[in-house]
């Protein structure tokens, strides 16, 4: 009887170990994405992972309109740990943030730097999009968001359901999420068939709402 009992228990444990385990997806080594914003302007986003480092370079580079947002830090699996964020206008730093275990130093470069102690991870808007997408809409407790000028403690992530989006001439399924920051909302959409990369980002800056929508690109050399 004892042999049968332990054999049965062993079979139960083996069957549990063989069950599929839901886990976060791995971040790509490189993603070169092309978006268009609310005003029809082209926006490029280049995500690069090299060793345990990552860099996200997002920019609008036109003669009459130049903006660049660079996020950099370390990466462990699908977890991004930002170390710096710089918002540049016309080739010159406009606002920036530095992240440490003690908190965040941030502000416009034309003003004195501010310091804020935090009890959780801090992301810029673009790093947050990658973190959220590759962890299936989940964020650590006490997550903060910065645009270099201000720091916001985020509310819980709200799942807005599934929809479809036209990307590069074809309809794709997307999962949608929103997060409140202060008195406004940041919205993200991700494409499961494209490894959950961000395909749509909507945010407010200086009273204006901007929406970035994916038009095409490559993930690890493979065209979308």
N, C-alpha and C. Protein backbone atom coordinates (compact mmCIF):
# COMPACT_ATOMS: atom_id res chain seq x y z
N UNK A 1 0.83 -1.21 0.00
CA UNK A 1 0.00 0.00 0.00
C UNK A 1 0.86 1.26 0.00
N UNK A 2 1.93 1.22 0.84
CA UNK A 2 2.79 2.39 0.91
C UNK A 2 3.48 2.65 -0.43
N UNK A 3 3.88 1.54 -1.08
CA UNK A 3 4.54 1.69 -2.39
C UNK A 3 3.60 2.33 -3.39
N UNK A 4 2.35 1.87 -3.41
CA UNK A 4 1.36 2.44 -4.33
C UNK A 4 1.11 3.91 -4.02
N UNK A 5 1.06 4.24 -2.72
CA UNK A 5 0.81 5.63 -2.32
C UNK A 5 1.92 6.54 -2.83
N UNK A 6 3.19 6.16 -2.55
CA UNK A 6 4.31 6.99 -2.97
C UNK A 6 4.46 7.03 -4.49
N UNK A 7 4.13 5.92 -5.16
CA UNK A 7 4.17 5.91 -6.62
C UNK A 7 3.13 6.86 -7.19
N UNK A 8 1.95 6.86 -6.61
CA UNK A 8 0.89 7.76 -7.05
C UNK A 8 1.26 9.21 -6.82
N UNK A 9 1.88 9.49 -5.65
CA UNK A 9 2.30 10.85 -5.35
C UNK A 9 3.38 11.32 -6.32
N UNK A 10 4.30 10.40 -6.65
CA UNK A 10 5.36 10.73 -7.60
C UNK A 10 4.78 11.07 -8.97
N UNK A 11 3.78 10.31 -9.41
CA UNK A 11 3.16 10.57 -10.71
C UNK A 11 2.46 11.92 -10.72
N UNK A 12 1.85 12.30 -9.60
CA UNK A 12 1.20 13.61 -9.51
C UNK A 12 2.22 14.72 -9.67
N UNK A 13 3.36 14.62 -8.96
CA UNK A 13 4.39 15.64 -9.05
C UNK A 13 4.97 15.73 -10.46
N UNK A 14 5.19 14.59 -11.10
CA UNK A 14 5.71 14.60 -12.47
C UNK A 14 4.73 15.28 -13.41
N UNK A 15 3.45 14.99 -13.27
CA UNK A 15 2.44 15.60 -14.14
C UNK A 15 2.38 17.10 -13.94
N UNK A 16 2.56 17.56 -12.69
CA UNK A 16 2.56 19.00 -12.42
C UNK A 16 3.77 19.67 -13.05
N UNK A 17 4.91 19.00 -12.98
CA UNK A 17 6.12 19.57 -13.57
C UNK A 17 6.03 19.68 -15.08
N UNK A 18 5.24 18.80 -15.69
CA UNK A 18 5.11 18.80 -17.15
C UNK A 18 4.07 19.79 -17.66
N UNK A 19 3.28 20.38 -16.75
CA UNK A 19 2.28 21.35 -17.18
C UNK A 19 2.98 22.57 -17.77
N UNK A 20 2.39 23.21 -18.82
CA UNK A 20 2.99 24.42 -19.38
C UNK A 20 2.96 25.55 -18.38
N UNK A 21 4.05 26.29 -18.28
CA UNK A 21 4.16 27.39 -17.33
C UNK A 21 4.15 28.71 -18.09
N UNK A 22 3.21 29.59 -17.72
CA UNK A 22 3.16 30.91 -18.35
C UNK A 22 4.31 31.75 -17.83
N UNK A 23 5.08 32.34 -18.72
CA UNK A 23 6.19 33.17 -18.29
C UNK A 23 6.32 34.35 -19.23
N UNK A 24 7.09 35.32 -18.78
CA UNK A 24 7.29 36.50 -19.60
C UNK A 24 8.12 36.13 -20.83
N UNK A 25 7.85 36.83 -21.93
CA UNK A 25 8.60 36.58 -23.16
C UNK A 25 9.99 37.18 -23.05
N UNK A 26 10.92 36.67 -23.85
CA UNK A 26 12.27 37.23 -23.89
C UNK A 26 12.29 38.44 -24.80
N UNK A 27 13.02 39.47 -24.39
CA UNK A 27 13.16 40.66 -25.20
C UNK A 27 14.03 40.36 -26.41
N UNK A 28 13.76 41.00 -27.55
CA UNK A 28 14.59 40.77 -28.74
C UNK A 28 15.98 41.39 -28.56
N UNK A 29 16.93 40.95 -29.38
CA UNK A 29 18.25 41.57 -29.36
C UNK A 29 18.20 42.95 -30.02
N UNK A 30 17.37 43.05 -31.08
CA UNK A 30 17.21 44.36 -31.72
C UNK A 30 15.87 44.44 -32.42
N UNK A 31 15.23 45.57 -32.25
CA UNK A 31 13.98 45.84 -32.96
C UNK A 31 14.08 47.25 -33.54
N UNK A 32 13.89 47.36 -34.84
CA UNK A 32 13.90 48.66 -35.53
C UNK A 32 12.48 48.91 -36.03
N UNK A 33 11.80 49.83 -35.38
CA UNK A 33 10.38 50.03 -35.63
C UNK A 33 10.12 51.42 -36.19
N UNK A 34 9.16 51.49 -37.12
CA UNK A 34 8.74 52.78 -37.68
C UNK A 34 7.28 53.04 -37.30
N UNK A 35 7.07 54.20 -36.70
CA UNK A 35 5.73 54.63 -36.29
C UNK A 35 5.36 55.89 -37.07
N UNK A 36 4.11 56.28 -36.94
CA UNK A 36 3.65 57.59 -37.40
C UNK A 36 2.88 58.21 -36.25
N UNK A 37 3.05 59.52 -36.02
CA UNK A 37 2.36 60.14 -34.89
C UNK A 37 1.03 60.74 -35.32
N UNK A 38 0.36 61.40 -34.38
CA UNK A 38 -0.98 61.94 -34.62
C UNK A 38 -1.01 62.96 -35.75
N UNK A 39 0.14 63.58 -36.03
CA UNK A 39 0.19 64.62 -37.06
C UNK A 39 0.79 64.10 -38.36
N UNK A 40 0.94 62.79 -38.47
CA UNK A 40 1.45 62.19 -39.69
C UNK A 40 2.96 62.20 -39.81
N UNK A 41 3.67 62.57 -38.74
CA UNK A 41 5.12 62.63 -38.79
C UNK A 41 5.72 61.25 -38.52
N UNK A 42 6.78 60.89 -39.24
CA UNK A 42 7.42 59.58 -39.00
C UNK A 42 8.22 59.59 -37.71
N UNK A 43 8.13 58.51 -36.97
CA UNK A 43 8.85 58.34 -35.70
C UNK A 43 9.56 56.99 -35.74
N UNK A 44 10.84 56.98 -35.45
CA UNK A 44 11.59 55.72 -35.41
C UNK A 44 11.88 55.34 -33.96
N UNK A 45 11.84 54.04 -33.70
CA UNK A 45 12.20 53.52 -32.38
C UNK A 45 13.14 52.34 -32.58
N UNK A 46 14.31 52.44 -31.98
CA UNK A 46 15.34 51.41 -32.11
C UNK A 46 15.63 50.83 -30.73
N UNK A 47 15.27 49.56 -30.53
CA UNK A 47 15.56 48.87 -29.27
C UNK A 47 16.75 47.95 -29.49
N UNK A 48 17.77 48.10 -28.65
CA UNK A 48 18.97 47.27 -28.77
C UNK A 48 19.30 46.67 -27.41
N UNK A 49 19.52 45.35 -27.40
CA UNK A 49 19.97 44.65 -26.20
C UNK A 49 21.34 44.05 -26.49
N UNK A 50 22.31 44.40 -25.68
CA UNK A 50 23.67 43.91 -25.89
C UNK A 50 24.23 43.48 -24.54
N UNK A 51 24.42 42.18 -24.38
CA UNK A 51 24.83 41.67 -23.07
C UNK A 51 23.74 41.93 -22.05
N UNK A 52 24.09 42.59 -20.97
CA UNK A 52 23.09 42.91 -19.95
C UNK A 52 22.68 44.38 -20.02
N UNK A 53 22.92 45.02 -21.17
CA UNK A 53 22.57 46.43 -21.35
C UNK A 53 21.48 46.57 -22.42
N UNK A 54 20.66 47.61 -22.27
CA UNK A 54 19.67 47.91 -23.30
C UNK A 54 19.68 49.41 -23.58
N UNK A 55 19.19 49.75 -24.76
CA UNK A 55 19.05 51.16 -25.15
C UNK A 55 17.84 51.28 -26.05
N UNK A 56 17.00 52.26 -25.77
CA UNK A 56 15.84 52.55 -26.61
C UNK A 56 15.99 53.98 -27.13
N UNK A 57 16.12 54.12 -28.43
CA UNK A 57 16.30 55.42 -29.06
C UNK A 57 15.08 55.72 -29.92
N UNK A 58 14.27 56.69 -29.49
CA UNK A 58 13.06 57.07 -30.21
C UNK A 58 13.22 58.49 -30.70
N UNK A 59 12.98 58.72 -32.01
CA UNK A 59 13.21 60.07 -32.51
C UNK A 59 12.33 60.45 -33.69
N UNK A 60 12.06 61.74 -33.72
CA UNK A 60 11.46 62.41 -34.88
C UNK A 60 12.55 63.32 -35.42
N UNK A 61 12.99 63.09 -36.64
CA UNK A 61 14.14 63.81 -37.16
C UNK A 61 13.81 64.46 -38.49
N UNK A 62 13.12 65.59 -38.41
CA UNK A 62 12.80 66.38 -39.59
C UNK A 62 13.50 67.73 -39.49
N UNK A 63 13.65 68.41 -40.61
CA UNK A 63 14.35 69.70 -40.62
C UNK A 63 13.69 70.69 -39.67
N UNK A 64 12.37 70.70 -39.65
CA UNK A 64 11.65 71.69 -38.87
C UNK A 64 11.17 71.16 -37.52
N UNK A 65 11.44 69.90 -37.23
CA UNK A 65 10.90 69.31 -36.00
C UNK A 65 11.78 68.15 -35.58
N UNK A 66 12.57 68.34 -34.53
CA UNK A 66 13.50 67.30 -34.10
C UNK A 66 13.34 67.02 -32.60
N UNK A 67 13.02 65.78 -32.28
CA UNK A 67 12.92 65.35 -30.90
C UNK A 67 13.56 63.97 -30.78
N UNK A 68 14.22 63.73 -29.65
CA UNK A 68 14.85 62.43 -29.42
C UNK A 68 14.69 62.05 -27.95
N UNK A 69 14.34 60.78 -27.72
CA UNK A 69 14.17 60.27 -26.37
C UNK A 69 15.03 59.01 -26.25
N UNK A 70 15.99 59.03 -25.35
CA UNK A 70 16.91 57.90 -25.20
C UNK A 70 16.82 57.35 -23.78
N UNK A 71 16.49 56.08 -23.70
CA UNK A 71 16.43 55.37 -22.42
C UNK A 71 17.51 54.30 -22.42
N UNK A 72 18.24 54.17 -21.31
CA UNK A 72 19.30 53.17 -21.23
C UNK A 72 19.34 52.57 -19.84
N UNK A 73 19.80 51.32 -19.78
CA UNK A 73 19.89 50.66 -18.49
C UNK A 73 20.33 49.23 -18.64
N UNK A 74 20.02 48.42 -17.66
CA UNK A 74 20.39 47.00 -17.69
C UNK A 74 19.14 46.16 -17.92
N UNK A 75 19.37 44.93 -18.36
CA UNK A 75 18.25 44.03 -18.65
C UNK A 75 18.57 42.65 -18.09
N UNK A 76 17.56 42.02 -17.52
CA UNK A 76 17.69 40.67 -16.98
C UNK A 76 16.47 39.88 -17.42
N UNK A 77 16.64 39.07 -18.48
CA UNK A 77 15.49 38.34 -19.02
C UNK A 77 14.54 39.31 -19.69
N UNK A 78 13.35 39.48 -19.14
CA UNK A 78 12.38 40.43 -19.68
C UNK A 78 12.21 41.63 -18.75
N UNK A 79 13.12 41.79 -17.79
CA UNK A 79 13.02 42.88 -16.83
C UNK A 79 14.01 43.98 -17.19
N UNK A 80 13.49 45.18 -17.44
CA UNK A 80 14.34 46.34 -17.70
C UNK A 80 14.58 47.10 -16.41
N UNK A 81 15.83 47.52 -16.22
CA UNK A 81 16.20 48.33 -15.06
C UNK A 81 16.81 49.63 -15.56
N UNK A 82 16.00 50.67 -15.79
CA UNK A 82 16.50 51.92 -16.35
C UNK A 82 17.53 52.60 -15.46
N UNK A 83 18.54 53.18 -16.10
CA UNK A 83 19.56 53.95 -15.39
C UNK A 83 19.54 55.41 -15.80
N UNK A 84 19.10 55.70 -17.02
CA UNK A 84 19.08 57.09 -17.48
C UNK A 84 18.03 57.29 -18.56
N UNK A 85 17.59 58.55 -18.67
CA UNK A 85 16.62 58.93 -19.70
C UNK A 85 16.92 60.37 -20.09
N UNK A 86 17.00 60.64 -21.39
CA UNK A 86 17.28 61.99 -21.88
C UNK A 86 16.27 62.35 -22.96
N UNK A 87 15.65 63.50 -22.80
CA UNK A 87 14.73 64.09 -23.77
C UNK A 87 15.46 65.25 -24.43
N UNK A 88 15.73 65.14 -25.73
CA UNK A 88 16.45 66.19 -26.45
C UNK A 88 15.56 66.85 -27.49
N UNK A 89 15.75 68.14 -27.67
CA UNK A 89 15.02 68.90 -28.69
C UNK A 89 16.05 69.61 -29.58
N UNK A 90 15.95 69.40 -30.87
CA UNK A 90 16.85 70.00 -31.84
C UNK A 90 18.32 69.73 -31.48
N UNK A 91 18.60 68.50 -31.03
CA UNK A 91 19.97 68.09 -30.74
C UNK A 91 20.52 68.51 -29.40
N UNK A 92 19.71 69.20 -28.59
CA UNK A 92 20.17 69.65 -27.28
C UNK A 92 19.30 69.04 -26.17
N UNK A 93 19.92 68.56 -25.07
CA UNK A 93 19.14 67.99 -23.97
C UNK A 93 18.14 69.01 -23.42
N UNK A 94 16.92 68.56 -23.24
CA UNK A 94 15.84 69.40 -22.74
C UNK A 94 15.47 69.02 -21.31
N UNK A 95 15.36 67.71 -21.06
CA UNK A 95 15.07 67.20 -19.73
C UNK A 95 15.74 65.84 -19.59
N UNK A 96 16.05 65.46 -18.35
CA UNK A 96 16.72 64.18 -18.17
C UNK A 96 16.44 63.61 -16.79
N UNK A 97 16.72 62.32 -16.64
CA UNK A 97 16.52 61.65 -15.36
C UNK A 97 17.63 60.62 -15.18
N UNK A 98 18.08 60.48 -13.94
CA UNK A 98 19.06 59.47 -13.57
C UNK A 98 18.47 58.64 -12.44
N UNK A 99 18.59 57.32 -12.57
CA UNK A 99 17.96 56.42 -11.61
C UNK A 99 19.02 55.72 -10.76
N UNK A 100 18.82 55.70 -9.44
CA UNK A 100 19.69 54.98 -8.53
C UNK A 100 18.83 54.22 -7.53
N UNK A 101 19.47 53.43 -6.69
CA UNK A 101 18.73 52.71 -5.66
C UNK A 101 18.13 53.67 -4.64
N UNK A 102 18.72 54.86 -4.53
CA UNK A 102 18.24 55.85 -3.56
C UNK A 102 17.08 56.68 -4.09
N UNK A 103 16.87 56.67 -5.40
CA UNK A 103 15.78 57.47 -5.95
C UNK A 103 16.07 57.93 -7.36
N UNK A 104 15.51 59.07 -7.72
CA UNK A 104 15.64 59.59 -9.07
C UNK A 104 16.01 61.07 -9.02
N UNK A 105 16.99 61.47 -9.81
CA UNK A 105 17.34 62.87 -10.01
C UNK A 105 16.83 63.26 -11.39
N UNK A 106 16.06 64.33 -11.48
CA UNK A 106 15.38 64.65 -12.73
C UNK A 106 15.14 66.14 -12.86
N UNK A 107 14.70 66.55 -14.05
CA UNK A 107 14.31 67.93 -14.28
C UNK A 107 14.76 68.45 -15.63
N UNK A 108 14.27 69.64 -15.99
CA UNK A 108 14.74 70.31 -17.20
C UNK A 108 16.20 70.70 -16.99
N UNK A 109 16.99 70.63 -18.05
CA UNK A 109 18.41 70.95 -17.92
C UNK A 109 18.62 72.44 -17.63
N UNK A 110 17.63 73.26 -17.94
CA UNK A 110 17.73 74.70 -17.69
C UNK A 110 17.41 75.06 -16.24
N UNK A 111 17.02 74.07 -15.45
CA UNK A 111 16.65 74.30 -14.05
C UNK A 111 17.49 73.42 -13.14
N UNK A 112 17.45 73.72 -11.85
CA UNK A 112 18.18 72.90 -10.88
C UNK A 112 17.57 71.50 -10.83
N UNK A 113 18.43 70.49 -10.71
CA UNK A 113 17.96 69.11 -10.65
C UNK A 113 17.17 68.86 -9.37
N UNK A 114 16.13 68.04 -9.48
CA UNK A 114 15.32 67.67 -8.33
C UNK A 114 15.60 66.22 -7.96
N UNK A 115 15.37 65.90 -6.70
CA UNK A 115 15.57 64.52 -6.24
C UNK A 115 14.28 64.02 -5.59
N UNK A 116 13.96 62.77 -5.87
CA UNK A 116 12.78 62.16 -5.27
C UNK A 116 13.12 60.74 -4.84
N UNK A 117 12.86 60.44 -3.57
CA UNK A 117 13.05 59.08 -3.07
C UNK A 117 11.86 58.23 -3.52
N UNK A 118 12.11 57.01 -3.94
CA UNK A 118 11.05 56.13 -4.42
C UNK A 118 11.18 54.76 -3.75
N UNK A 119 10.09 54.02 -3.73
CA UNK A 119 10.11 52.68 -3.14
C UNK A 119 9.71 51.62 -4.16
N UNK A 120 10.07 51.88 -5.42
CA UNK A 120 9.78 50.95 -6.50
C UNK A 120 10.51 51.36 -7.76
N UNK A 121 10.38 50.60 -8.85
CA UNK A 121 11.09 50.92 -10.09
C UNK A 121 10.53 52.16 -10.77
N UNK A 122 11.39 52.88 -11.48
CA UNK A 122 11.00 54.07 -12.24
C UNK A 122 11.30 53.84 -13.71
N UNK A 123 10.32 54.12 -14.57
CA UNK A 123 10.50 53.95 -16.01
C UNK A 123 10.16 55.24 -16.74
N UNK A 124 10.79 55.45 -17.88
CA UNK A 124 10.29 56.46 -18.80
C UNK A 124 9.18 55.82 -19.63
N UNK A 125 8.50 56.62 -20.41
CA UNK A 125 7.32 56.13 -21.12
C UNK A 125 7.63 55.01 -22.12
N UNK A 126 8.80 55.07 -22.76
CA UNK A 126 9.13 54.07 -23.77
C UNK A 126 9.62 52.77 -23.13
N UNK A 127 10.47 52.87 -22.12
CA UNK A 127 10.90 51.67 -21.41
C UNK A 127 9.72 50.99 -20.74
N UNK A 128 8.77 51.79 -20.25
CA UNK A 128 7.58 51.22 -19.62
C UNK A 128 6.79 50.39 -20.62
N UNK A 129 6.71 50.87 -21.87
CA UNK A 129 5.99 50.13 -22.90
C UNK A 129 6.58 48.76 -23.15
N UNK A 130 7.90 48.68 -23.24
CA UNK A 130 8.55 47.38 -23.44
C UNK A 130 8.39 46.49 -22.21
N UNK A 131 8.56 47.07 -21.04
CA UNK A 131 8.41 46.29 -19.81
C UNK A 131 7.01 45.72 -19.68
N UNK A 132 6.01 46.55 -19.96
CA UNK A 132 4.62 46.13 -19.84
C UNK A 132 4.26 45.06 -20.87
N UNK A 133 4.69 45.26 -22.11
CA UNK A 133 4.35 44.32 -23.17
C UNK A 133 4.96 42.95 -22.96
N UNK A 134 6.21 42.90 -22.56
CA UNK A 134 6.89 41.62 -22.42
C UNK A 134 6.62 40.94 -21.09
N UNK A 135 5.79 41.56 -20.26
CA UNK A 135 5.38 40.92 -19.02
C UNK A 135 3.86 40.84 -18.94
N UNK A 136 3.23 40.79 -20.12
CA UNK A 136 1.79 40.52 -20.25
C UNK A 136 0.92 41.46 -19.40
N UNK A 137 1.24 42.76 -19.47
CA UNK A 137 0.41 43.75 -18.80
C UNK A 137 0.61 43.84 -17.30
N UNK A 138 1.69 43.27 -16.80
CA UNK A 138 1.94 43.29 -15.36
C UNK A 138 3.15 44.16 -15.04
N UNK A 139 3.05 44.91 -13.95
CA UNK A 139 4.14 45.75 -13.47
C UNK A 139 4.37 45.49 -11.99
N UNK A 140 5.58 45.72 -11.50
CA UNK A 140 5.83 45.57 -10.06
C UNK A 140 5.01 46.59 -9.27
N UNK A 141 4.80 46.30 -7.99
CA UNK A 141 4.10 47.24 -7.12
C UNK A 141 4.92 48.53 -7.00
N UNK A 142 4.22 49.64 -6.80
CA UNK A 142 4.87 50.95 -6.63
C UNK A 142 5.78 51.29 -7.81
N UNK A 143 5.22 51.21 -9.01
CA UNK A 143 5.96 51.59 -10.21
C UNK A 143 5.75 53.06 -10.51
N UNK A 144 6.83 53.75 -10.88
CA UNK A 144 6.77 55.18 -11.18
C UNK A 144 7.06 55.41 -12.66
N UNK A 145 6.60 56.56 -13.15
CA UNK A 145 6.83 56.97 -14.54
C UNK A 145 7.38 58.38 -14.55
N UNK A 146 8.39 58.63 -15.38
CA UNK A 146 8.92 59.99 -15.52
C UNK A 146 9.02 60.37 -16.99
N UNK A 147 8.85 61.66 -17.25
CA UNK A 147 9.12 62.20 -18.58
C UNK A 147 10.35 63.10 -18.55
N UNK A 148 11.10 63.00 -17.44
CA UNK A 148 12.27 63.84 -17.25
C UNK A 148 11.95 65.13 -16.54
N UNK A 149 10.70 65.59 -16.67
CA UNK A 149 10.28 66.84 -16.03
C UNK A 149 9.52 66.61 -14.74
N UNK A 150 8.76 65.51 -14.70
CA UNK A 150 7.96 65.17 -13.54
C UNK A 150 8.07 63.67 -13.27
N UNK A 151 7.67 63.27 -12.06
CA UNK A 151 7.65 61.86 -11.69
C UNK A 151 6.25 61.54 -11.17
N UNK A 152 5.68 60.44 -11.65
CA UNK A 152 4.32 60.05 -11.28
C UNK A 152 4.33 58.65 -10.68
N UNK A 153 3.60 58.47 -9.58
CA UNK A 153 3.34 57.12 -9.08
C UNK A 153 2.15 56.58 -9.86
N UNK A 154 2.33 55.44 -10.52
CA UNK A 154 1.30 54.91 -11.40
C UNK A 154 0.23 54.15 -10.64
N UNK A 155 -1.00 54.26 -11.14
CA UNK A 155 -2.08 53.43 -10.63
C UNK A 155 -1.94 52.03 -11.20
N UNK A 156 -2.85 51.16 -10.85
CA UNK A 156 -2.81 49.80 -11.38
C UNK A 156 -3.05 49.81 -12.89
N UNK A 157 -2.46 48.85 -13.56
CA UNK A 157 -2.65 48.71 -15.01
C UNK A 157 -4.08 48.24 -15.28
N UNK A 158 -4.73 48.90 -16.23
CA UNK A 158 -6.10 48.53 -16.61
C UNK A 158 -6.08 47.82 -17.96
N UNK A 159 -6.63 46.62 -17.99
CA UNK A 159 -6.72 45.86 -19.24
C UNK A 159 -7.93 46.36 -20.02
N UNK A 160 -7.70 46.91 -21.22
CA UNK A 160 -8.78 47.47 -22.03
C UNK A 160 -9.27 46.50 -23.10
N UNK A 161 -8.83 45.26 -23.01
CA UNK A 161 -9.33 44.24 -23.92
C UNK A 161 -8.55 44.16 -25.22
N UNK A 162 -9.07 43.37 -26.13
CA UNK A 162 -8.41 43.12 -27.41
C UNK A 162 -9.09 43.89 -28.54
N UNK A 163 -8.33 44.13 -29.59
CA UNK A 163 -8.86 44.83 -30.77
C UNK A 163 -7.99 44.43 -31.96
N UNK A 164 -8.18 45.12 -33.07
CA UNK A 164 -7.35 44.91 -34.25
C UNK A 164 -6.78 46.24 -34.73
N UNK A 165 -5.61 46.17 -35.35
CA UNK A 165 -4.92 47.36 -35.83
C UNK A 165 -4.32 47.05 -37.19
N UNK A 166 -4.39 48.01 -38.10
CA UNK A 166 -3.82 47.84 -39.44
C UNK A 166 -2.33 48.20 -39.39
N UNK A 167 -1.47 47.21 -39.64
CA UNK A 167 -0.02 47.42 -39.63
C UNK A 167 0.56 46.87 -40.93
N UNK A 168 1.20 47.73 -41.68
CA UNK A 168 1.86 47.32 -42.92
C UNK A 168 0.90 46.59 -43.86
N UNK A 169 -0.33 47.10 -43.95
CA UNK A 169 -1.30 46.57 -44.90
C UNK A 169 -2.09 45.36 -44.44
N UNK A 170 -1.94 44.94 -43.19
CA UNK A 170 -2.72 43.80 -42.71
C UNK A 170 -3.23 44.03 -41.30
N UNK A 171 -4.35 43.42 -41.02
CA UNK A 171 -4.95 43.54 -39.69
C UNK A 171 -4.26 42.58 -38.73
N UNK A 172 -3.89 43.09 -37.56
CA UNK A 172 -3.28 42.24 -36.54
C UNK A 172 -4.07 42.37 -35.24
N UNK A 173 -4.04 41.33 -34.44
CA UNK A 173 -4.68 41.37 -33.13
C UNK A 173 -3.77 42.12 -32.16
N UNK A 174 -4.38 42.93 -31.30
CA UNK A 174 -3.62 43.67 -30.30
C UNK A 174 -4.29 43.54 -28.94
N UNK A 175 -3.49 43.63 -27.89
CA UNK A 175 -4.01 43.71 -26.52
C UNK A 175 -3.74 45.13 -26.02
N UNK A 176 -4.73 45.72 -25.34
CA UNK A 176 -4.68 47.13 -24.98
C UNK A 176 -4.68 47.32 -23.46
N UNK A 177 -3.88 48.29 -23.01
CA UNK A 177 -3.79 48.59 -21.58
C UNK A 177 -3.72 50.10 -21.38
N UNK A 178 -4.15 50.55 -20.22
CA UNK A 178 -4.02 51.96 -19.88
C UNK A 178 -3.56 52.09 -18.43
N UNK A 179 -2.85 53.19 -18.16
CA UNK A 179 -2.34 53.46 -16.82
C UNK A 179 -2.52 54.95 -16.54
N UNK A 180 -3.07 55.27 -15.38
CA UNK A 180 -3.23 56.67 -14.99
C UNK A 180 -1.92 57.18 -14.41
N UNK A 181 -1.52 58.37 -14.88
CA UNK A 181 -0.36 59.05 -14.30
C UNK A 181 -0.81 60.47 -13.96
N UNK A 182 -0.88 60.79 -12.70
CA UNK A 182 -1.37 62.10 -12.32
C UNK A 182 -2.80 62.28 -12.78
N UNK A 183 -3.05 63.34 -13.54
CA UNK A 183 -4.41 63.63 -13.99
C UNK A 183 -4.65 63.23 -15.44
N UNK A 184 -3.75 62.44 -16.04
CA UNK A 184 -4.00 61.96 -17.40
C UNK A 184 -3.62 60.49 -17.51
N UNK A 185 -3.78 59.95 -18.70
CA UNK A 185 -3.64 58.51 -18.92
C UNK A 185 -2.65 58.22 -20.03
N UNK A 186 -1.84 57.18 -19.85
CA UNK A 186 -0.97 56.67 -20.91
C UNK A 186 -1.57 55.35 -21.38
N UNK A 187 -1.70 55.19 -22.69
CA UNK A 187 -2.29 53.97 -23.25
C UNK A 187 -1.28 53.25 -24.13
N UNK A 188 -1.30 51.92 -24.02
CA UNK A 188 -0.40 51.08 -24.81
C UNK A 188 -1.19 49.98 -25.49
N UNK A 189 -0.69 49.55 -26.65
CA UNK A 189 -1.23 48.36 -27.31
C UNK A 189 -0.05 47.51 -27.76
N UNK A 190 -0.21 46.19 -27.64
CA UNK A 190 0.86 45.25 -27.95
C UNK A 190 0.36 44.18 -28.91
N UNK A 191 1.27 43.64 -29.71
CA UNK A 191 0.90 42.64 -30.71
C UNK A 191 1.49 41.28 -30.33
N UNK A 192 0.65 40.35 -29.86
CA UNK A 192 1.15 39.01 -29.50
C UNK A 192 1.88 38.31 -30.65
N UNK A 193 1.42 38.51 -31.90
CA UNK A 193 2.07 37.82 -33.01
C UNK A 193 3.42 38.44 -33.38
N UNK A 194 3.71 39.61 -32.84
CA UNK A 194 5.01 40.25 -33.03
C UNK A 194 5.79 40.27 -31.71
N UNK A 195 5.66 39.22 -30.94
CA UNK A 195 6.40 39.05 -29.68
C UNK A 195 6.04 40.11 -28.64
N UNK A 196 4.84 40.65 -28.73
CA UNK A 196 4.33 41.62 -27.76
C UNK A 196 5.09 42.94 -27.75
N UNK A 197 5.63 43.35 -28.89
CA UNK A 197 6.25 44.67 -28.97
C UNK A 197 5.16 45.73 -28.89
N UNK A 198 5.49 46.94 -28.44
CA UNK A 198 4.50 48.02 -28.45
C UNK A 198 4.18 48.44 -29.88
N UNK A 199 2.89 48.48 -30.22
CA UNK A 199 2.48 48.87 -31.57
C UNK A 199 1.70 50.18 -31.56
N UNK A 200 1.31 50.63 -30.38
CA UNK A 200 0.60 51.91 -30.26
C UNK A 200 0.85 52.48 -28.87
N UNK A 201 1.20 53.77 -28.82
CA UNK A 201 1.43 54.46 -27.56
C UNK A 201 0.72 55.80 -27.64
N UNK A 202 -0.08 56.11 -26.64
CA UNK A 202 -0.80 57.38 -26.60
C UNK A 202 -0.50 58.06 -25.27
N UNK A 203 -0.11 59.34 -25.34
CA UNK A 203 0.28 60.05 -24.12
C UNK A 203 0.03 61.55 -24.29
N UNK A 204 0.13 62.29 -23.17
CA UNK A 204 -0.07 63.73 -23.20
C UNK A 204 1.23 64.42 -22.80
N UNK A 205 1.59 65.48 -23.51
CA UNK A 205 2.78 66.27 -23.20
C UNK A 205 2.48 67.73 -23.47
N UNK A 206 2.68 68.56 -22.45
CA UNK A 206 2.40 70.00 -22.56
C UNK A 206 0.98 70.27 -23.06
N UNK A 207 0.03 69.50 -22.56
CA UNK A 207 -1.37 69.72 -22.90
C UNK A 207 -1.82 69.13 -24.22
N UNK A 208 -0.91 68.52 -24.97
CA UNK A 208 -1.27 67.93 -26.25
C UNK A 208 -1.22 66.40 -26.16
N UNK A 209 -2.15 65.75 -26.84
CA UNK A 209 -2.20 64.29 -26.87
C UNK A 209 -1.48 63.80 -28.12
N UNK A 210 -0.54 62.90 -27.93
CA UNK A 210 0.21 62.31 -29.04
C UNK A 210 -0.07 60.81 -29.09
N UNK A 211 -0.24 60.29 -30.30
CA UNK A 211 -0.42 58.85 -30.48
C UNK A 211 0.58 58.36 -31.51
N UNK A 212 1.37 57.38 -31.13
CA UNK A 212 2.31 56.74 -32.04
C UNK A 212 1.74 55.40 -32.47
N UNK A 213 1.67 55.16 -33.78
CA UNK A 213 1.12 53.90 -34.29
C UNK A 213 2.13 53.23 -35.21
N UNK A 214 2.36 51.94 -34.96
CA UNK A 214 3.35 51.19 -35.74
C UNK A 214 2.93 51.07 -37.20
N UNK A 215 3.91 51.26 -38.09
CA UNK A 215 3.68 51.09 -39.53
C UNK A 215 4.51 49.95 -40.12
N UNK A 216 5.61 49.61 -39.49
CA UNK A 216 6.45 48.53 -40.00
C UNK A 216 7.75 48.47 -39.24
N UNK A 217 8.65 47.59 -39.69
CA UNK A 217 9.95 47.47 -39.05
C UNK A 217 10.50 46.06 -39.09
N UNK A 218 11.50 45.82 -38.26
CA UNK A 218 12.15 44.52 -38.17
C UNK A 218 12.36 44.14 -36.71
N UNK A 219 12.27 42.84 -36.43
CA UNK A 219 12.59 42.30 -35.11
C UNK A 219 13.65 41.24 -35.30
N UNK A 220 14.84 41.50 -34.77
CA UNK A 220 15.98 40.58 -34.94
C UNK A 220 16.18 40.22 -36.41
N UNK A 221 16.08 41.23 -37.28
CA UNK A 221 16.33 41.05 -38.70
C UNK A 221 15.17 40.52 -39.51
N UNK A 222 14.07 40.18 -38.85
CA UNK A 222 12.90 39.65 -39.56
C UNK A 222 11.86 40.75 -39.73
N UNK A 223 11.44 40.97 -40.97
CA UNK A 223 10.47 42.03 -41.27
C UNK A 223 9.12 41.74 -40.63
N UNK A 224 8.49 42.80 -40.16
CA UNK A 224 7.14 42.68 -39.59
C UNK A 224 6.13 42.60 -40.72
